[in-house]
C-alpha atoms as a PDB file:
ATOM      1  CA  UNK A   1       0.000   0.000   0.000  1.00  0.00           C
ATOM      2  CA  UNK A   2       1.333   3.443  -0.880  1.00  0.00           C
ATOM      3  CA  UNK A   3       0.528   6.434   1.331  1.00  0.00           C
ATOM      4  CA  UNK A   4       1.152   9.969   0.122  1.00  0.00           C
ATOM      5  CA  UNK A   5       1.912  12.688   2.663  1.00  0.00           C
ATOM      6  CA  UNK A   6       2.004  16.436   2.023  1.00  0.00           C
ATOM      7  CA  UNK A   7       5.479  17.847   2.719  1.00  0.00           C
ATOM      8  CA  UNK A   8       4.166  20.433   5.201  1.00  0.00           C
ATOM      9  CA  UNK A   9       2.476  17.658   7.261  1.00  0.00           C
ATOM     10  CA  UNK A  10       5.557  15.450   7.561  1.00  0.00           C
ATOM     11  CA  UNK A  11       6.819  16.817  10.900  1.00  0.00           C
ATOM     12  CA  UNK A  12       3.370  16.204  12.419  1.00  0.00           C
ATOM     13  CA  UNK A  13       3.417  12.541  11.361  1.00  0.00           C
ATOM     14  CA  UNK A  14       6.964  11.417  12.194  1.00  0.00           C
ATOM     15  CA  UNK A  15       6.860   8.265  14.302  1.00  0.00           C
ATOM     16  CA  UNK A  16       3.171   7.596  13.583  1.00  0.00           C
ATOM     17  CA  UNK A  17       1.835   4.072  13.148  1.00  0.00           C
ATOM     18  CA  UNK A  18      -1.220   3.060  11.140  1.00  0.00           C
ATOM     19  CA  UNK A  19      -2.965  -0.203  11.977  1.00  0.00           C
ATOM     20  CA  UNK A  20      -6.155  -1.882  10.808  1.00  0.00           C
ATOM     21  CA  UNK A  21      -8.328  -3.347  13.565  1.00  0.00           C
ATOM     22  CA  UNK A  22     -11.395  -5.534  13.343  1.00  0.00           C
ATOM     23  CA  UNK A  23     -13.693  -5.983  16.333  1.00  0.00           C
ATOM     24  CA  UNK A  24     -17.189  -7.380  16.718  1.00  0.00           C
ATOM     25  CA  UNK A  25     -18.628  -3.899  16.147  1.00  0.00           C
ATOM     26  CA  UNK A  26     -16.328  -2.297  13.597  1.00  0.00           C
ATOM     27  CA  UNK A  27     -13.391  -2.539  11.216  1.00  0.00           C
ATOM     28  CA  UNK A  28     -11.268   0.591  11.102  1.00  0.00           C
ATOM     29  CA  UNK A  29      -7.885   2.175  10.629  1.00  0.00           C
ATOM     30  CA  UNK A  30      -6.254   3.254  13.894  1.00  0.00           C
ATOM     31  CA  UNK A  31      -3.624   5.996  13.951  1.00  0.00           C
ATOM     32  CA  UNK A  32      -1.108   6.147  16.790  1.00  0.00           C
ATOM     33  CA  UNK A  33       0.852   9.387  16.779  1.00  0.00           C
ATOM     34  CA  UNK A  34       3.525   9.992  19.442  1.00  0.00           C
ATOM     35  CA  UNK A  35       3.293  13.726  18.674  1.00  0.00           C
ATOM     36  CA  UNK A  36      -0.343  13.885  19.885  1.00  0.00           C
ATOM     37  CA  UNK A  37      -0.518  15.805  23.156  1.00  0.00           C
ATOM     38  CA  UNK A  38      -4.288  16.033  23.721  1.00  0.00           C
ATOM     39  CA  UNK A  39      -7.606  14.688  22.397  1.00  0.00           C
ATOM     40  CA  UNK A  40     -11.292  15.193  23.046  1.00  0.00           C
ATOM     41  CA  UNK A  41     -13.380  12.373  24.467  1.00  0.00           C
ATOM     42  CA  UNK A  42     -14.787  11.323  21.103  1.00  0.00           C
ATOM     43  CA  UNK A  43     -11.367  11.286  19.398  1.00  0.00           C
ATOM     44  CA  UNK A  44     -12.401  13.657  16.604  1.00  0.00           C
ATOM     45  CA  UNK A  45     -10.298  16.620  17.742  1.00  0.00           C
ATOM     46  CA  UNK A  46      -6.625  16.240  18.586  1.00  0.00           C
ATOM     47  CA  UNK A  47      -3.679  18.487  19.390  1.00  0.00           C
ATOM     48  CA  UNK A  48      -0.432  17.546  17.654  1.00  0.00           C
ATOM     49  CA  UNK A  49       2.949  19.157  18.228  1.00  0.00           C
ATOM     50  CA  UNK A  50       5.350  18.874  15.278  1.00  0.00           C
ATOM     51  CA  UNK A  51       8.397  16.679  15.857  1.00  0.00           C
ATOM     52  CA  UNK A  52      11.748  18.390  15.999  1.00  0.00           C
ATOM     53  CA  UNK A  53      13.631  18.061  12.723  1.00  0.00           C
ATOM     54  CA  UNK A  54      16.973  16.353  13.037  1.00  0.00           C
ATOM     55  CA  UNK A  55      19.914  18.179  11.534  1.00  0.00           C
END
């Protein structure tokens, strides 16, 4: 599978993992982002701090 990422979003996604989960109620993609610092209870709104670029 090929995933395209906009260049200006790259620092927000460094270290992220994408997984596909199937449960009795749903099948869905799950995103785990170590740069996420906060989220609302429903998971729709998140706060992400860009990773520091390595020189």
